[in-house]
């Protein structure tokens, strides 16, 4: 995939002064997932800054999995919602009673 644009996704969440960021980058054979957590641990004089990074490989994009499933559900619901009209139209064209 030399020269092609790779997909990159990122989300972050801040809570109580600490930040968790997930970045997903498309690579040749899947996705590189990077998780960074940083902020402060402890209180008062014992308060220390920390930063932890984790990286791993995934065959699929973990940030898009739920969205893809939702899109599929929406497609199925859309088809099912149109089914009664289709059946009525088919029955009418065949000269049968409406459903």
PDB file of N, CA and C in Angstrom:
ATOM      1  N   UNK A   1       0.820  -1.183   0.000  1.00  0.00           N
ATOM      2  CA  UNK A   1       0.000   0.000   0.000  1.00  0.00           C
ATOM      3  C   UNK A   1       0.869   1.253   0.000  1.00  0.00           C
ATOM      4  N   UNK A   2       1.985   1.197  -0.628  1.00  0.00           N
ATOM      5  CA  UNK A   2       2.908   2.312  -0.664  1.00  0.00           C
ATOM      6  C   UNK A   2       2.253   3.505  -1.357  1.00  0.00           C
ATOM      7  N   UNK A   3       2.306   4.654  -0.670  1.00  0.00           N
ATOM      8  CA  UNK A   3       1.775   5.860  -1.267  1.00  0.00           C
ATOM      9  C   UNK A   3       0.288   6.082  -1.024  1.00  0.00           C
ATOM     10  N   UNK A   4      -0.408   5.084  -0.503  1.00  0.00           N
ATOM     11  CA  UNK A   4      -1.832   5.235  -0.247  1.00  0.00           C
ATOM     12  C   UNK A   4      -2.047   5.817   1.146  1.00  0.00           C
ATOM     13  N   UNK A   5      -3.149   6.547   1.316  1.00  0.00           N
ATOM     14  CA  UNK A   5      -3.486   7.085   2.629  1.00  0.00           C
ATOM     15  C   UNK A   5      -4.037   5.976   3.508  1.00  0.00           C
ATOM     16  N   UNK A   6      -3.515   5.895   4.702  1.00  0.00           N
ATOM     17  CA  UNK A   6      -3.977   4.911   5.674  1.00  0.00           C
ATOM     18  C   UNK A   6      -5.018   5.576   6.570  1.00  0.00           C
ATOM     19  N   UNK A   7      -5.965   4.783   7.030  1.00  0.00           N
ATOM     20  CA  UNK A   7      -6.984   5.291   7.939  1.00  0.00           C
ATOM     21  C   UNK A   7      -6.377   5.477   9.323  1.00  0.00           C
ATOM     22  N   UNK A   8      -6.850   6.495  10.038  1.00  0.00           N
ATOM     23  CA  UNK A   8      -6.409   6.737  11.406  1.00  0.00           C
ATOM     24  C   UNK A   8      -7.625   7.237  12.186  1.00  0.00           C
ATOM     25  N   UNK A   9      -7.873   6.618  13.329  1.00  0.00           N
ATOM     26  CA  UNK A   9      -9.004   6.975  14.180  1.00  0.00           C
ATOM     27  C   UNK A   9      -8.483   7.261  15.573  1.00  0.00           C
ATOM     28  N   UNK A  10      -9.157   8.163  16.278  1.00  0.00           N
ATOM     29  CA  UNK A  10      -8.701   8.502  17.619  1.00  0.00           C
ATOM     30  C   UNK A  10      -9.881   8.965  18.460  1.00  0.00           C
ATOM     31  N   UNK A  11      -9.898   8.539  19.717  1.00  0.00           N
ATOM     32  CA  UNK A  11     -10.866   9.044  20.686  1.00  0.00           C
ATOM     33  C   UNK A  11     -10.123   9.269  21.994  1.00  0.00           C
ATOM     34  N   UNK A  12     -10.603  10.200  22.779  1.00  0.00           N
ATOM     35  CA  UNK A  12      -9.995  10.426  24.081  1.00  0.00           C
ATOM     36  C   UNK A  12     -11.080  10.789  25.084  1.00  0.00           C
ATOM     37  N   UNK A  13     -10.754  10.530  26.341  1.00  0.00           N
ATOM     38  CA  UNK A  13     -11.701  10.801  27.415  1.00  0.00           C
ATOM     39  C   UNK A  13     -10.912  11.318  28.605  1.00  0.00           C
ATOM     40  N   UNK A  14     -11.394  12.397  29.188  1.00  0.00           N
ATOM     41  CA  UNK A  14     -10.746  12.945  30.372  1.00  0.00           C
ATOM     42  C   UNK A  14     -11.679  12.800  31.555  1.00  0.00           C
ATOM     43  N   UNK A  15     -11.126  12.312  32.637  1.00  0.00           N
ATOM     44  CA  UNK A  15     -11.920  12.111  33.842  1.00  0.00           C
ATOM     45  C   UNK A  15     -11.040  12.344  35.053  1.00  0.00           C
ATOM     46  N   UNK A  16     -11.465  13.206  35.927  1.00  0.00           N
ATOM     47  CA  UNK A  16     -10.726  13.521  37.157  1.00  0.00           C
ATOM     48  C   UNK A  16      -9.289  13.950  36.877  1.00  0.00           C
ATOM     49  N   UNK A  17      -9.071  14.699  35.803  1.00  0.00           N
ATOM     50  CA  UNK A  17      -7.743  15.184  35.478  1.00  0.00           C
ATOM     51  C   UNK A  17      -6.842  14.177  34.792  1.00  0.00           C
ATOM     52  N   UNK A  18      -7.338  12.967  34.569  1.00  0.00           N
ATOM     53  CA  UNK A  18      -6.577  11.931  33.866  1.00  0.00           C
ATOM     54  C   UNK A  18      -7.165  11.742  32.471  1.00  0.00           C
ATOM     55  N   UNK A  19      -6.303  11.440  31.530  1.00  0.00           N
ATOM     56  CA  UNK A  19      -6.732  11.294  30.142  1.00  0.00           C
ATOM     57  C   UNK A  19      -6.419   9.891  29.640  1.00  0.00           C
ATOM     58  N   UNK A  20      -7.382   9.323  28.910  1.00  0.00           N
ATOM     59  CA  UNK A  20      -7.172   8.044  28.236  1.00  0.00           C
ATOM     60  C   UNK A  20      -7.456   8.287  26.759  1.00  0.00           C
ATOM     61  N   UNK A  21      -6.482   7.940  25.923  1.00  0.00           N
ATOM     62  CA  UNK A  21      -6.610   8.163  24.486  1.00  0.00           C
ATOM     63  C   UNK A  21      -6.349   6.854  23.757  1.00  0.00           C
ATOM     64  N   UNK A  22      -7.224   6.557  22.788  1.00  0.00           N
ATOM     65  CA  UNK A  22      -7.062   5.375  21.947  1.00  0.00           C
ATOM     66  C   UNK A  22      -6.899   5.852  20.513  1.00  0.00           C
ATOM     67  N   UNK A  23      -5.806   5.440  19.896  1.00  0.00           N
ATOM     68  CA  UNK A  23      -5.538   5.779  18.510  1.00  0.00           C
ATOM     69  C   UNK A  23      -5.396   4.480  17.726  1.00  0.00           C
ATOM     70  N   UNK A  24      -6.076   4.400  16.587  1.00  0.00           N
ATOM     71  CA  UNK A  24      -6.022   3.213  15.740  1.00  0.00           C
ATOM     72  C   UNK A  24      -5.515   3.647  14.375  1.00  0.00           C
ATOM     73  N   UNK A  25      -4.466   2.991  13.926  1.00  0.00           N
ATOM     74  CA  UNK A  25      -3.868   3.315  12.629  1.00  0.00           C
ATOM     75  C   UNK A  25      -3.885   2.072  11.755  1.00  0.00           C
ATOM     76  N   UNK A  26      -4.357   2.232  10.529  1.00  0.00           N
ATOM     77  CA  UNK A  26      -4.361   1.118   9.584  1.00  0.00           C
ATOM     78  C   UNK A  26      -2.921   0.812   9.180  1.00  0.00           C
ATOM     79  N   UNK A  27      -2.557  -0.469   9.224  1.00  0.00           N
ATOM     80  CA  UNK A  27      -1.244  -0.918   8.766  1.00  0.00           C
ATOM     81  C   UNK A  27      -1.453  -1.967   7.682  1.00  0.00           C
ATOM     82  N   UNK A  28      -0.394  -2.512   7.149  1.00  0.00           N
ATOM     83  CA  UNK A  28      -0.473  -3.440   6.015  1.00  0.00           C
ATOM     84  C   UNK A  28      -1.424  -4.612   6.238  1.00  0.00           C
ATOM     85  N   UNK A  29      -1.390  -5.222   7.417  1.00  0.00           N
ATOM     86  CA  UNK A  29      -2.162  -6.443   7.637  1.00  0.00           C
ATOM     87  C   UNK A  29      -3.235  -6.302   8.709  1.00  0.00           C
ATOM     88  N   UNK A  30      -3.649  -5.076   9.026  1.00  0.00           N
ATOM     89  CA  UNK A  30      -4.675  -4.882  10.039  1.00  0.00           C
ATOM     90  C   UNK A  30      -4.593  -3.480  10.613  1.00  0.00           C
ATOM     91  N   UNK A  31      -4.604  -3.407  11.942  1.00  0.00           N
ATOM     92  CA  UNK A  31      -4.601  -2.119  12.624  1.00  0.00           C
ATOM     93  C   UNK A  31      -3.648  -2.146  13.808  1.00  0.00           C
ATOM     94  N   UNK A  32      -2.965  -1.026  14.028  1.00  0.00           N
ATOM     95  CA  UNK A  32      -2.127  -0.845  15.195  1.00  0.00           C
ATOM     96  C   UNK A  32      -2.929  -0.012  16.176  1.00  0.00           C
ATOM     97  N   UNK A  33      -3.157  -0.575  17.357  1.00  0.00           N
ATOM     98  CA  UNK A  33      -3.951   0.092  18.378  1.00  0.00           C
ATOM     99  C   UNK A  33      -3.006   0.609  19.453  1.00  0.00           C
ATOM    100  N   UNK A  34      -3.083   1.897  19.744  1.00  0.00           N
ATOM    101  CA  UNK A  34      -2.242   2.517  20.770  1.00  0.00           C
ATOM    102  C   UNK A  34      -3.150   3.097  21.848  1.00  0.00           C
ATOM    103  N   UNK A  35      -2.906   2.719  23.089  1.00  0.00           N
ATOM    104  CA  UNK A  35      -3.672   3.232  24.222  1.00  0.00           C
ATOM    105  C   UNK A  35      -2.711   4.007  25.115  1.00  0.00           C
ATOM    106  N   UNK A  36      -3.022   5.266  25.370  1.00  0.00           N
ATOM    107  CA  UNK A  36      -2.204   6.110  26.227  1.00  0.00           C
ATOM    108  C   UNK A  36      -3.049   6.581  27.393  1.00  0.00           C
ATOM    109  N   UNK A  37      -2.545   6.384  28.591  1.00  0.00           N
ATOM    110  CA  UNK A  37      -3.183   6.896  29.794  1.00  0.00           C
ATOM    111  C   UNK A  37      -2.181   7.805  30.485  1.00  0.00           C
ATOM    112  N   UNK A  38      -2.638   9.000  30.876  1.00  0.00           N
ATOM    113  CA  UNK A  38      -1.741   9.898  31.585  1.00  0.00           C
ATOM    114  C   UNK A  38      -2.535  10.768  32.543  1.00  0.00           C
ATOM    115  N   UNK A  39      -1.830  11.309  33.509  1.00  0.00           N
ATOM    116  CA  UNK A  39      -2.450  12.162  34.503  1.00  0.00           C
ATOM    117  C   UNK A  39      -1.651  12.118  35.781  1.00  0.00           C
ATOM    118  N   UNK A  40      -2.349  12.292  36.882  1.00  0.00           N
ATOM    119  CA  UNK A  40      -1.675  12.308  38.178  1.00  0.00           C
ATOM    120  C   UNK A  40      -2.238  11.235  39.085  1.00  0.00           C
ATOM    121  N   UNK A  41      -1.333  10.566  39.794  1.00  0.00           N
ATOM    122  CA  UNK A  41      -1.707   9.583  40.808  1.00  0.00           C
ATOM    123  C   UNK A  41      -1.296  10.122  42.171  1.00  0.00           C
ATOM    124  N   UNK A  42      -2.081   9.777  43.157  1.00  0.00           N
ATOM    125  CA  UNK A  42      -1.763  10.211  44.515  1.00  0.00           C
ATOM    126  C   UNK A  42      -2.375  11.557  44.831  1.00  0.00           C
ATOM    127  N   UNK A  43      -2.123  12.021  46.045  1.00  0.00           N
ATOM    128  CA  UNK A  43      -2.677  13.296  46.499  1.00  0.00           C
ATOM    129  C   UNK A  43      -1.617  14.106  47.236  1.00  0.00           C
ATOM    130  N   UNK A  44      -1.822  15.405  47.257  1.00  0.00           N
ATOM    131  CA  UNK A  44      -0.925  16.293  48.000  1.00  0.00           C
ATOM    132  C   UNK A  44       0.519  16.195  47.545  1.00  0.00           C
ATOM    133  N   UNK A  45       1.419  16.019  48.511  1.00  0.00           N
ATOM    134  CA  UNK A  45       2.854  15.927  48.219  1.00  0.00           C
ATOM    135  C   UNK A  45       3.209  14.628  47.504  1.00  0.00           C
ATOM    136  N   UNK A  46       2.333  13.643  47.557  1.00  0.00           N
ATOM    137  CA  UNK A  46       2.578  12.345  46.915  1.00  0.00           C
ATOM    138  C   UNK A  46       2.044  12.282  45.488  1.00  0.00           C
ATOM    139  N   UNK A  47       1.567  13.390  44.990  1.00  0.00           N
ATOM    140  CA  UNK A  47       0.997  13.436  43.644  1.00  0.00           C
ATOM    141  C   UNK A  47       2.113  13.345  42.609  1.00  0.00           C
ATOM    142  N   UNK A  48       2.012  12.364  41.722  1.00  0.00           N
ATOM    143  CA  UNK A  48       3.024  12.163  40.685  1.00  0.00           C
ATOM    144  C   UNK A  48       2.368  12.019  39.326  1.00  0.00           C
ATOM    145  N   UNK A  49       3.014  12.597  38.323  1.00  0.00           N
ATOM    146  CA  UNK A  49       2.545  12.475  36.956  1.00  0.00           C
ATOM    147  C   UNK A  49       2.909  11.086  36.427  1.00  0.00           C
ATOM    148  N   UNK A  50       2.000  10.483  35.675  1.00  0.00           N
ATOM    149  CA  UNK A  50       2.298   9.197  35.039  1.00  0.00           C
ATOM    150  C   UNK A  50       1.830   9.215  33.592  1.00  0.00           C
ATOM    151  N   UNK A  51       2.451   8.394  32.797  1.00  0.00           N
ATOM    152  CA  UNK A  51       2.063   8.216  31.400  1.00  0.00           C
ATOM    153  C   UNK A  51       2.371   6.772  31.031  1.00  0.00           C
ATOM    154  N   UNK A  52       1.359   6.051  30.585  1.00  0.00           N
ATOM    155  CA  UNK A  52       1.516   4.652  30.204  1.00  0.00           C
ATOM    156  C   UNK A  52       1.047   4.461  28.769  1.00  0.00           C
ATOM    157  N   UNK A  53       1.857   3.810  27.972  1.00  0.00           N
ATOM    158  CA  UNK A  53       1.514   3.524  26.580  1.00  0.00           C
ATOM    159  C   UNK A  53       1.475   2.023  26.360  1.00  0.00           C
ATOM    160  N   UNK A  54       0.461   1.574  25.647  1.00  0.00           N
ATOM    161  CA  UNK A  54       0.350   0.175  25.254  1.00  0.00           C
ATOM    162  C   UNK A  54       0.040   0.137  23.769  1.00  0.00           C
ATOM    163  N   UNK A  55       0.666  -0.784  23.052  1.00  0.00           N
ATOM    164  CA  UNK A  55       0.410  -0.940  21.623  1.00  0.00           C
ATOM    165  C   UNK A  55       0.163  -2.416  21.332  1.00  0.00           C
ATOM    166  N   UNK A  56      -0.802  -2.667  20.442  1.00  0.00           N
ATOM    167  CA  UNK A  56      -1.043  -4.041  20.019  1.00  0.00           C
ATOM    168  C   UNK A  56      -1.648  -4.069  18.631  1.00  0.00           C
ATOM    169  N   UNK A  57      -1.606  -5.229  18.031  1.00  0.00           N
ATOM    170  CA  UNK A  57      -2.147  -5.469  16.688  1.00  0.00           C
ATOM    171  C   UNK A  57      -3.578  -5.984  16.796  1.00  0.00           C
ATOM    172  N   UNK A  58      -4.418  -5.587  15.841  1.00  0.00           N
ATOM    173  CA  UNK A  58      -5.784  -6.100  15.752  1.00  0.00           C
ATOM    174  C   UNK A  58      -6.127  -6.313  14.277  1.00  0.00           C
ATOM    175  N   UNK A  59      -6.813  -7.418  13.977  1.00  0.00           N
ATOM    176  CA  UNK A  59      -7.241  -7.670  12.593  1.00  0.00           C
ATOM    177  C   UNK A  59      -8.307  -6.673  12.157  1.00  0.00           C
ATOM    178  N   UNK A  60      -9.125  -6.215  13.121  1.00  0.00           N
ATOM    179  CA  UNK A  60     -10.207  -5.276  12.822  1.00  0.00           C
ATOM    180  C   UNK A  60      -9.997  -3.983  13.604  1.00  0.00           C
ATOM    181  N   UNK A  61     -10.676  -2.942  13.196  1.00  0.00           N
ATOM    182  CA  UNK A  61     -10.597  -1.662  13.884  1.00  0.00           C
ATOM    183  C   UNK A  61     -11.546  -1.694  15.084  1.00  0.00           C
ATOM    184  N   UNK A  62     -11.028  -1.740  16.305  1.00  0.00           N
ATOM    185  CA  UNK A  62     -11.906  -1.842  17.471  1.00  0.00           C
ATOM    186  C   UNK A  62     -12.787  -0.618  17.679  1.00  0.00           C
ATOM    187  N   UNK A  63     -12.426   0.522  17.118  1.00  0.00           N
ATOM    188  CA  UNK A  63     -13.261   1.714  17.260  1.00  0.00           C
ATOM    189  C   UNK A  63     -14.440   1.711  16.298  1.00  0.00           C
ATOM    190  N   UNK A  64     -14.395   0.881  15.264  1.00  0.00           N
ATOM    191  CA  UNK A  64     -15.462   0.848  14.271  1.00  0.00           C
ATOM    192  C   UNK A  64     -16.361  -0.372  14.397  1.00  0.00           C
ATOM    193  N   UNK A  65     -15.976  -1.354  15.205  1.00  0.00           N
ATOM    194  CA  UNK A  65     -16.742  -2.604  15.280  1.00  0.00           C
ATOM    195  C   UNK A  65     -18.198  -2.370  15.659  1.00  0.00           C
ATOM    196  N   UNK A  66     -18.464  -1.617  16.699  1.00  0.00           N
ATOM    197  CA  UNK A  66     -19.839  -1.356  17.114  1.00  0.00           C
ATOM    198  C   UNK A  66     -20.611  -0.575  16.074  1.00  0.00           C
ATOM    199  N   UNK A  67     -19.940   0.354  15.410  1.00  0.00           N
ATOM    200  CA  UNK A  67     -20.600   1.168  14.391  1.00  0.00           C
ATOM    201  C   UNK A  67     -20.984   0.321  13.192  1.00  0.00           C
ATOM    202  N   UNK A  68     -20.116  -0.595  12.797  1.00  0.00           N
ATOM    203  CA  UNK A  68     -20.421  -1.469  11.662  1.00  0.00           C
ATOM    204  C   UNK A  68     -21.602  -2.375  11.997  1.00  0.00           C
ATOM    205  N   UNK A  69     -21.616  -2.916  13.238  1.00  0.00           N
ATOM    206  CA  UNK A  69     -22.734  -3.768  13.647  1.00  0.00           C
ATOM    207  C   UNK A  69     -24.033  -2.982  13.653  1.00  0.00           C
ATOM    208  N   UNK A  70     -23.982  -1.735  14.120  1.00  0.00           N
ATOM    209  CA  UNK A  70     -25.172  -0.905  14.162  1.00  0.00           C
ATOM    210  C   UNK A  70     -25.667  -0.626  12.749  1.00  0.00           C
ATOM    211  N   UNK A  71     -24.753  -0.358  11.829  1.00  0.00           N
ATOM    212  CA  UNK A  71     -25.139  -0.118  10.440  1.00  0.00           C
ATOM    213  C   UNK A  71     -25.834  -1.349   9.863  1.00  0.00           C
ATOM    214  N   UNK A  72     -25.326  -2.522  10.166  1.00  0.00           N
ATOM    215  CA  UNK A  72     -25.946  -3.754   9.676  1.00  0.00           C
ATOM    216  C   UNK A  72     -27.337  -3.912  10.262  1.00  0.00           C
ATOM    217  N   UNK A  73     -27.499  -3.637  11.562  1.00  0.00           N
ATOM    218  CA  UNK A  73     -28.819  -3.715  12.194  1.00  0.00           C
ATOM    219  C   UNK A  73     -29.788  -2.740  11.519  1.00  0.00           C
ATOM    220  N   UNK A  74     -29.321  -1.537  11.251  1.00  0.00           N
ATOM    221  CA  UNK A  74     -30.167  -0.535  10.609  1.00  0.00           C
ATOM    222  C   UNK A  74     -30.574  -0.978   9.209  1.00  0.00           C
ATOM    223  N   UNK A  75     -29.677  -1.617   8.473  1.00  0.00           N
ATOM    224  CA  UNK A  75     -30.006  -2.123   7.145  1.00  0.00           C
ATOM    225  C   UNK A  75     -31.096  -3.184   7.232  1.00  0.00           C
ATOM    226  N   UNK A  76     -30.957  -4.109   8.175  1.00  0.00           N
ATOM    227  CA  UNK A  76     -31.947  -5.179   8.345  1.00  0.00           C
ATOM    228  C   UNK A  76     -33.291  -4.575   8.730  1.00  0.00           C
ATOM    229  N   UNK A  77     -33.300  -3.637   9.693  1.00  0.00           N
ATOM    230  CA  UNK A  77     -34.546  -3.009  10.118  1.00  0.00           C
ATOM    231  C   UNK A  77     -35.201  -2.255   8.961  1.00  0.00           C
ATOM    232  N   UNK A  78     -34.400  -1.612   8.140  1.00  0.00           N
ATOM    233  CA  UNK A  78     -34.928  -0.880   6.997  1.00  0.00           C
ATOM    234  C   UNK A  78     -35.607  -1.829   6.011  1.00  0.00           C
ATOM    235  N   UNK A  79     -34.965  -2.945   5.733  1.00  0.00           N
ATOM    236  CA  UNK A  79     -35.537  -3.930   4.805  1.00  0.00           C
ATOM    237  C   UNK A  79     -36.814  -4.512   5.391  1.00  0.00           C
ATOM    238  N   UNK A  80     -36.786  -4.857   6.686  1.00  0.00           N
ATOM    239  CA  UNK A  80     -37.972  -5.438   7.320  1.00  0.00           C
ATOM    240  C   UNK A  80     -39.134  -4.445   7.353  1.00  0.00           C
ATOM    241  N   UNK A  81     -38.846  -3.159   7.549  1.00  0.00           N
ATOM    242  CA  UNK A  81     -39.920  -2.163   7.604  1.00  0.00           C
ATOM    243  C   UNK A  81     -40.596  -1.997   6.242  1.00  0.00           C
ATOM    244  N   UNK A  82     -39.878  -2.275   5.162  1.00  0.00           N
ATOM    245  CA  UNK A  82     -40.439  -2.141   3.815  1.00  0.00           C
ATOM    246  C   UNK A  82     -41.136  -3.411   3.337  1.00  0.00           C
ATOM    247  N   UNK A  83     -40.949  -4.500   4.052  1.00  0.00           N
ATOM    248  CA  UNK A  83     -41.497  -5.789   3.633  1.00  0.00           C
ATOM    249  C   UNK A  83     -43.027  -5.796   3.512  1.00  0.00           C
ATOM    250  N   UNK A  84     -43.811  -5.268   4.495  1.00  0.00           N
ATOM    251  CA  UNK A  84     -45.270  -5.292   4.334  1.00  0.00           C
ATOM    252  C   UNK A  84     -45.752  -4.566   3.074  1.00  0.00           C
ATOM    253  N   UNK A  85     -45.166  -3.396   2.761  1.00  0.00           N
ATOM    254  CA  UNK A  85     -45.562  -2.661   1.558  1.00  0.00           C
ATOM    255  C   UNK A  85     -45.239  -3.473   0.308  1.00  0.00           C
ATOM    256  N   UNK A  86     -44.087  -4.105   0.313  1.00  0.00           N
ATOM    257  CA  UNK A  86     -43.695  -4.933  -0.818  1.00  0.00           C
ATOM    258  C   UNK A  86     -44.666  -6.100  -0.998  1.00  0.00           C
ATOM    259  N   UNK A  87     -45.013  -6.747   0.107  1.00  0.00           N
ATOM    260  CA  UNK A  87     -45.925  -7.887   0.040  1.00  0.00           C
ATOM    261  C   UNK A  87     -47.309  -7.446  -0.431  1.00  0.00           C
ATOM    262  N   UNK A  88     -47.794  -6.289   0.062  1.00  0.00           N
ATOM    263  CA  UNK A  88     -49.094  -5.765  -0.388  1.00  0.00           C
ATOM    264  C   UNK A  88     -49.066  -5.450  -1.878  1.00  0.00           C
ATOM    265  N   UNK A  89     -47.978  -4.854  -2.322  1.00  0.00           N
ATOM    266  CA  UNK A  89     -47.840  -4.524  -3.738  1.00  0.00           C
ATOM    267  C   UNK A  89     -47.812  -5.800  -4.580  1.00  0.00           C
ATOM    268  N   UNK A  90     -47.094  -6.786  -4.127  1.00  0.00           N
ATOM    269  CA  UNK A  90     -47.011  -8.056  -4.840  1.00  0.00           C
ATOM    270  C   UNK A  90     -48.370  -8.740  -4.885  1.00  0.00           C
ATOM    271  N   UNK A  91     -49.058  -8.749  -3.738  1.00  0.00           N
ATOM    272  CA  UNK A  91     -50.374  -9.385  -3.675  1.00  0.00           C
ATOM    273  C   UNK A  91     -51.360  -8.660  -4.584  1.00  0.00           C
ATOM    274  N   UNK A  92     -51.313  -7.329  -4.611  1.00  0.00           N
ATOM    275  CA  UNK A  92     -52.211  -6.549  -5.462  1.00  0.00           C
ATOM    276  C   UNK A  92     -51.945  -6.842  -6.941  1.00  0.00           C
ATOM    277  N   UNK A  93     -50.696  -6.943  -7.275  1.00  0.00           N
ATOM    278  CA  UNK A  93     -50.360  -7.192  -8.684  1.00  0.00           C
ATOM    279  C   UNK A  93     -50.782  -8.600  -9.104  1.00  0.00           C
ATOM    280  N   UNK A  94     -50.896  -9.488  -8.143  1.00  0.00           N
ATOM    281  CA  UNK A  94     -51.337 -10.854  -8.449  1.00  0.00           C
ATOM    282  C   UNK A  94     -52.837 -11.015  -8.293  1.00  0.00           C
ATOM    283  N   UNK A  95     -53.517  -9.912  -7.873  1.00  0.00           N
ATOM    284  CA  UNK A  95     -54.980  -9.948  -7.723  1.00  0.00           C
ATOM    285  C   UNK A  95     -55.426 -10.642  -6.462  1.00  0.00           C
ATOM    286  N   UNK A  96     -54.604 -10.646  -5.422  1.00  0.00           N
ATOM    287  CA  UNK A  96     -54.970 -11.287  -4.162  1.00  0.00           C
ATOM    288  C   UNK A  96     -55.253 -10.223  -3.120  1.00  0.00           C
ATOM    289  N   UNK A  97     -55.738 -10.654  -1.961  1.00  0.00           N
ATOM    290  CA  UNK A  97     -56.067  -9.746  -0.850  1.00  0.00           C
ATOM    291  C   UNK A  97     -54.795  -9.101  -0.291  1.00  0.00           C
ATOM    292  N   UNK A  98     -54.992  -7.886   0.235  1.00  0.00           N
ATOM    293  CA  UNK A  98     -53.880  -7.190   0.911  1.00  0.00           C
ATOM    294  C   UNK A  98     -53.556  -7.881   2.237  1.00  0.00           C
ATOM    295  N   UNK A  99     -52.310  -7.776   2.613  1.00  0.00           N
ATOM    296  CA  UNK A  99     -51.847  -8.370   3.894  1.00  0.00           C
ATOM    297  C   UNK A  99     -51.972  -7.353   4.978  1.00  0.00           C
TER     298      UNK A  99
END
